[in-house]
PDB file of N, CA and C in Angstrom:
ATOM      1  N   MET A   1     -25.649  10.748  -5.249  1.00  0.00           N
ATOM      2  CA  MET A   1     -26.053  12.325  -5.695  1.00  0.00           C
ATOM      3  C   MET A   1     -24.984  13.135  -5.834  1.00  0.00           C
ATOM      4  N   ILE A   2     -24.865  13.872  -6.949  1.00  0.00           N
ATOM      5  CA  ILE A   2     -23.824  14.622  -7.294  1.00  0.00           C
ATOM      6  C   ILE A   2     -23.978  16.138  -7.127  1.00  0.00           C
ATOM      7  N   ARG A   3     -22.957  16.789  -6.571  1.00  0.00           N
ATOM      8  CA  ARG A   3     -23.155  18.243  -6.346  1.00  0.00           C
ATOM      9  C   ARG A   3     -21.852  19.025  -7.068  1.00  0.00           C
ATOM     10  N   LYS A   4     -22.213  20.122  -7.405  1.00  0.00           N
ATOM     11  CA  LYS A   4     -20.711  21.327  -7.799  1.00  0.00           C
ATOM     12  C   LYS A   4     -20.709  21.912  -6.977  1.00  0.00           C
ATOM     13  N   LEU A   5     -18.963  21.812  -6.632  1.00  0.00           N
ATOM     14  CA  LEU A   5     -18.174  22.538  -5.394  1.00  0.00           C
ATOM     15  C   LEU A   5     -17.941  23.811  -6.195  1.00  0.00           C
ATOM     16  N   LYS A   6     -17.688  24.776  -5.203  1.00  0.00           N
ATOM     17  CA  LYS A   6     -17.215  26.189  -5.525  1.00  0.00           C
ATOM     18  C   LYS A   6     -15.821  26.030  -6.398  1.00  0.00           C
ATOM     19  N   SER A   7     -14.995  24.950  -6.211  1.00  0.00           N
ATOM     20  CA  SER A   7     -13.872  24.970  -7.101  1.00  0.00           C
ATOM     21  C   SER A   7     -14.343  24.563  -8.548  1.00  0.00           C
ATOM     22  N   GLY A   8     -15.420  24.090  -8.565  1.00  0.00           N
ATOM     23  CA  GLY A   8     -15.984  23.669  -9.950  1.00  0.00           C
ATOM     24  C   GLY A   8     -15.677  22.127 -10.247  1.00  0.00           C
ATOM     25  N   GLU A   9     -15.016  21.724  -9.413  1.00  0.00           N
ATOM     26  CA  GLU A   9     -15.280  20.092  -9.310  1.00  0.00           C
ATOM     27  C   GLU A   9     -16.623  19.554  -8.747  1.00  0.00           C
ATOM     28  N   TYR A  10     -16.786  18.157  -9.034  1.00  0.00           N
ATOM     29  CA  TYR A  10     -17.914  17.782  -8.834  1.00  0.00           C
ATOM     30  C   TYR A  10     -17.616  16.471  -7.745  1.00  0.00           C
ATOM     31  N   ARG A  11     -18.605  16.329  -6.658  1.00  0.00           N
ATOM     32  CA  ARG A  11     -18.595  15.298  -5.826  1.00  0.00           C
ATOM     33  C   ARG A  11     -19.760  14.412  -5.696  1.00  0.00           C
ATOM     34  N   LEU A  12     -19.113  13.130  -5.620  1.00  0.00           N
ATOM     35  CA  LEU A  12     -20.326  11.888  -5.468  1.00  0.00           C
ATOM     36  C   LEU A  12     -20.588  11.802  -3.991  1.00  0.00           C
ATOM     37  N   TYR A  13     -21.960  12.037  -3.737  1.00  0.00           N
ATOM     38  CA  TYR A  13     -22.140  11.512  -2.428  1.00  0.00           C
ATOM     39  C   TYR A  13     -22.957  10.401  -2.363  1.00  0.00           C
ATOM     40  N   SER A  14     -23.409   9.542  -1.275  1.00  0.00           N
ATOM     41  CA  SER A  14     -24.063   8.470  -1.259  1.00  0.00           C
ATOM     42  C   SER A  14     -25.706   8.859  -1.491  1.00  0.00           C
ATOM     43  N   ARG A  15     -26.515   8.147  -1.646  1.00  0.00           N
ATOM     44  CA  ARG A  15     -27.964   8.406  -1.597  1.00  0.00           C
ATOM     45  C   ARG A  15     -28.427   8.485  -0.549  1.00  0.00           C
ATOM     46  N   LYS A  16     -28.160   7.771   0.587  1.00  0.00           N
ATOM     47  CA  LYS A  16     -28.743   7.720   1.696  1.00  0.00           C
ATOM     48  C   LYS A  16     -27.789   8.355   2.715  1.00  0.00           C
ATOM     49  N   LYS A  17     -28.327   9.038   3.802  1.00  0.00           N
ATOM     50  CA  LYS A  17     -27.738   9.362   4.986  1.00  0.00           C
ATOM     51  C   LYS A  17     -27.174   8.516   5.772  1.00  0.00           C
ATOM     52  N   ASP A  18     -25.922   8.613   6.479  1.00  0.00           N
ATOM     53  CA  ASP A  18     -25.383   7.747   7.487  1.00  0.00           C
ATOM     54  C   ASP A  18     -26.178   8.116   8.747  1.00  0.00           C
ATOM     55  N   PRO A  19     -26.567   6.968   9.635  1.00  0.00           N
ATOM     56  CA  PRO A  19     -27.286   7.241  10.423  1.00  0.00           C
ATOM     57  C   PRO A  19     -26.605   7.611  11.995  1.00  0.00           C
ATOM     58  N   ARG A  20     -25.475   7.253  11.554  1.00  0.00           N
ATOM     59  CA  ARG A  20     -24.748   7.895  13.065  1.00  0.00           C
ATOM     60  C   ARG A  20     -24.125   9.098  12.720  1.00  0.00           C
ATOM     61  N   THR A  21     -24.016   9.666  11.499  1.00  0.00           N
ATOM     62  CA  THR A  21     -23.479  11.121  11.438  1.00  0.00           C
ATOM     63  C   THR A  21     -24.623  12.006  10.843  1.00  0.00           C
ATOM     64  N   ASN A  22     -25.552  11.489  10.329  1.00  0.00           N
ATOM     65  CA  ASN A  22     -26.750  12.024   9.781  1.00  0.00           C
ATOM     66  C   ASN A  22     -26.159  13.163   8.292  1.00  0.00           C
ATOM     67  N   LYS A  23     -25.078  12.487   7.925  1.00  0.00           N
ATOM     68  CA  LYS A  23     -24.593  13.156   6.719  1.00  0.00           C
ATOM     69  C   LYS A  23     -24.290  12.069   5.680  1.00  0.00           C
ATOM     70  N   ARG A  24     -24.126  12.722   4.235  1.00  0.00           N
ATOM     71  CA  ARG A  24     -24.000  11.640   3.287  1.00  0.00           C
ATOM     72  C   ARG A  24     -22.365  11.162   3.103  1.00  0.00           C
ATOM     73  N   LYS A  25     -22.277   9.880   2.790  1.00  0.00           N
ATOM     74  CA  LYS A  25     -20.713   9.918   2.487  1.00  0.00           C
ATOM     75  C   LYS A  25     -19.880  10.492   1.509  1.00  0.00           C
ATOM     76  N   ASN A  26     -18.795  10.809   1.370  1.00  0.00           N
ATOM     77  CA  ASN A  26     -18.174  11.509   0.325  1.00  0.00           C
ATOM     78  C   ASN A  26     -17.802  10.213  -0.481  1.00  0.00           C
ATOM     79  N   LEU A  27     -18.195  10.050  -1.781  1.00  0.00           N
ATOM     80  CA  LEU A  27     -17.843   8.949  -2.436  1.00  0.00           C
ATOM     81  C   LEU A  27     -16.700   9.164  -3.836  1.00  0.00           C
ATOM     82  N   GLY A  28     -16.125  10.566  -3.661  1.00  0.00           N
ATOM     83  CA  GLY A  28     -15.137  10.890  -4.501  1.00  0.00           C
ATOM     84  C   GLY A  28     -15.346  12.084  -5.281  1.00  0.00           C
ATOM     85  N   THR A  29     -14.291  12.988  -5.414  1.00  0.00           N
ATOM     86  CA  THR A  29     -14.395  14.303  -6.038  1.00  0.00           C
ATOM     87  C   THR A  29     -13.629  14.025  -7.720  1.00  0.00           C
ATOM     88  N   PHE A  30     -14.605  14.700  -8.820  1.00  0.00           N
ATOM     89  CA  PHE A  30     -14.091  14.674 -10.050  1.00  0.00           C
ATOM     90  C   PHE A  30     -14.179  15.495 -10.704  1.00  0.00           C
ATOM     91  N   ASP A  31     -13.027  15.931 -11.748  1.00  0.00           N
ATOM     92  CA  ASP A  31     -12.992  17.247 -12.380  1.00  0.00           C
ATOM     93  C   ASP A  31     -14.360  17.373 -13.658  1.00  0.00           C
ATOM     94  N   SER A  32     -14.858  16.313 -13.725  1.00  0.00           N
ATOM     95  CA  SER A  32     -16.126  16.408 -14.778  1.00  0.00           C
ATOM     96  C   SER A  32     -17.328  15.713 -14.468  1.00  0.00           C
ATOM     97  N   LEU A  33     -18.304  16.358 -14.821  1.00  0.00           N
ATOM     98  CA  LEU A  33     -19.691  15.643 -14.267  1.00  0.00           C
ATOM     99  C   LEU A  33     -19.584  14.454 -15.142  1.00  0.00           C
ATOM    100  N   ASP A  34     -19.178  14.200 -16.376  1.00  0.00           N
ATOM    101  CA  ASP A  34     -19.372  13.054 -17.029  1.00  0.00           C
ATOM    102  C   ASP A  34     -18.499  11.931 -15.985  1.00  0.00           C
ATOM    103  N   ALA A  35     -17.294  12.077 -15.564  1.00  0.00           N
ATOM    104  CA  ALA A  35     -16.639  11.473 -14.676  1.00  0.00           C
ATOM    105  C   ALA A  35     -17.270  11.085 -13.583  1.00  0.00           C
ATOM    106  N   ALA A  36     -18.095  11.843 -12.662  1.00  0.00           N
ATOM    107  CA  ALA A  36     -18.797  11.619 -11.643  1.00  0.00           C
ATOM    108  C   ALA A  36     -19.971  10.533 -11.759  1.00  0.00           C
ATOM    109  N   LYS A  37     -20.541  10.997 -13.069  1.00  0.00           N
ATOM    110  CA  LYS A  37     -21.595   9.842 -13.398  1.00  0.00           C
ATOM    111  C   LYS A  37     -21.255   8.753 -13.639  1.00  0.00           C
ATOM    112  N   LYS A  38     -20.106   8.551 -14.518  1.00  0.00           N
ATOM    113  CA  LYS A  38     -19.461   6.901 -14.659  1.00  0.00           C
ATOM    114  C   LYS A  38     -19.123   6.476 -13.146  1.00  0.00           C
ATOM    115  N   HIS A  39     -18.523   7.041 -12.334  1.00  0.00           N
ATOM    116  CA  HIS A  39     -18.280   6.317 -11.038  1.00  0.00           C
ATOM    117  C   HIS A  39     -19.601   6.338 -10.218  1.00  0.00           C
ATOM    118  N   GLU A  40     -20.703   6.634 -10.276  1.00  0.00           N
ATOM    119  CA  GLU A  40     -21.890   6.375  -9.854  1.00  0.00           C
ATOM    120  C   GLU A  40     -22.675   5.120 -10.236  1.00  0.00           C
ATOM    121  N   ARG A  41     -22.462   4.995 -11.741  1.00  0.00           N
ATOM    122  CA  ARG A  41     -22.766   3.909 -12.206  1.00  0.00           C
ATOM    123  C   ARG A  41     -21.841   2.718 -11.929  1.00  0.00           C
ATOM    124  N   ASP A  42     -20.639   2.883 -11.906  1.00  0.00           N
ATOM    125  CA  ASP A  42     -19.985   1.906 -11.092  1.00  0.00           C
ATOM    126  C   ASP A  42     -20.023   1.305  -9.948  1.00  0.00           C
ATOM    127  N   VAL A  43     -20.339   2.369  -8.995  1.00  0.00           N
ATOM    128  CA  VAL A  43     -20.710   1.963  -7.555  1.00  0.00           C
ATOM    129  C   VAL A  43     -21.913   1.294  -7.423  1.00  0.00           C
ATOM    130  N   GLN A  44     -22.956   1.688  -8.413  1.00  0.00           N
ATOM    131  CA  GLN A  44     -24.540   1.118  -8.205  1.00  0.00           C
ATOM    132  C   GLN A  44     -23.956  -0.266  -8.873  1.00  0.00           C
ATOM    133  N   TYR A  45     -23.411  -0.660  -9.604  1.00  0.00           N
ATOM    134  CA  TYR A  45     -23.207  -1.892 -10.273  1.00  0.00           C
ATOM    135  C   TYR A  45     -22.584  -2.674  -9.058  1.00  0.00           C
ATOM    136  N   PHE A  46     -21.482  -2.349  -8.324  1.00  0.00           N
ATOM    137  CA  PHE A  46     -20.410  -3.102  -7.575  1.00  0.00           C
ATOM    138  C   PHE A  46     -21.316  -3.456  -6.428  1.00  0.00           C
ATOM    139  N   LYS A  47     -22.427  -2.660  -5.874  1.00  0.00           N
ATOM    140  CA  LYS A  47     -23.480  -2.856  -5.100  1.00  0.00           C
ATOM    141  C   LYS A  47     -24.133  -4.211  -5.027  1.00  0.00           C
ATOM    142  N   ARG A  48     -24.707  -4.425  -6.244  1.00  0.00           N
ATOM    143  CA  ARG A  48     -25.272  -5.406  -6.654  1.00  0.00           C
ATOM    144  C   ARG A  48     -24.945  -6.785  -7.208  1.00  0.00           C
ATOM    145  N   HIS A  49     -23.223  -6.671  -7.387  1.00  0.00           N
ATOM    146  CA  HIS A  49     -22.639  -7.797  -7.651  1.00  0.00           C
ATOM    147  C   HIS A  49     -21.383  -8.236  -6.881  1.00  0.00           C
TER     148      HIS A  49
END
């Protein structure tokens, strides 16, 4: 899940909520939406390989 921050950056959050904290994990902050999308694809790849 990618959200735009007030600062204009994009933050990548985990798809599922953490059961202990009931929040999503921060998986990185990026300057552009394209960079965030690329990292999300990388994360999904490594989850399965």
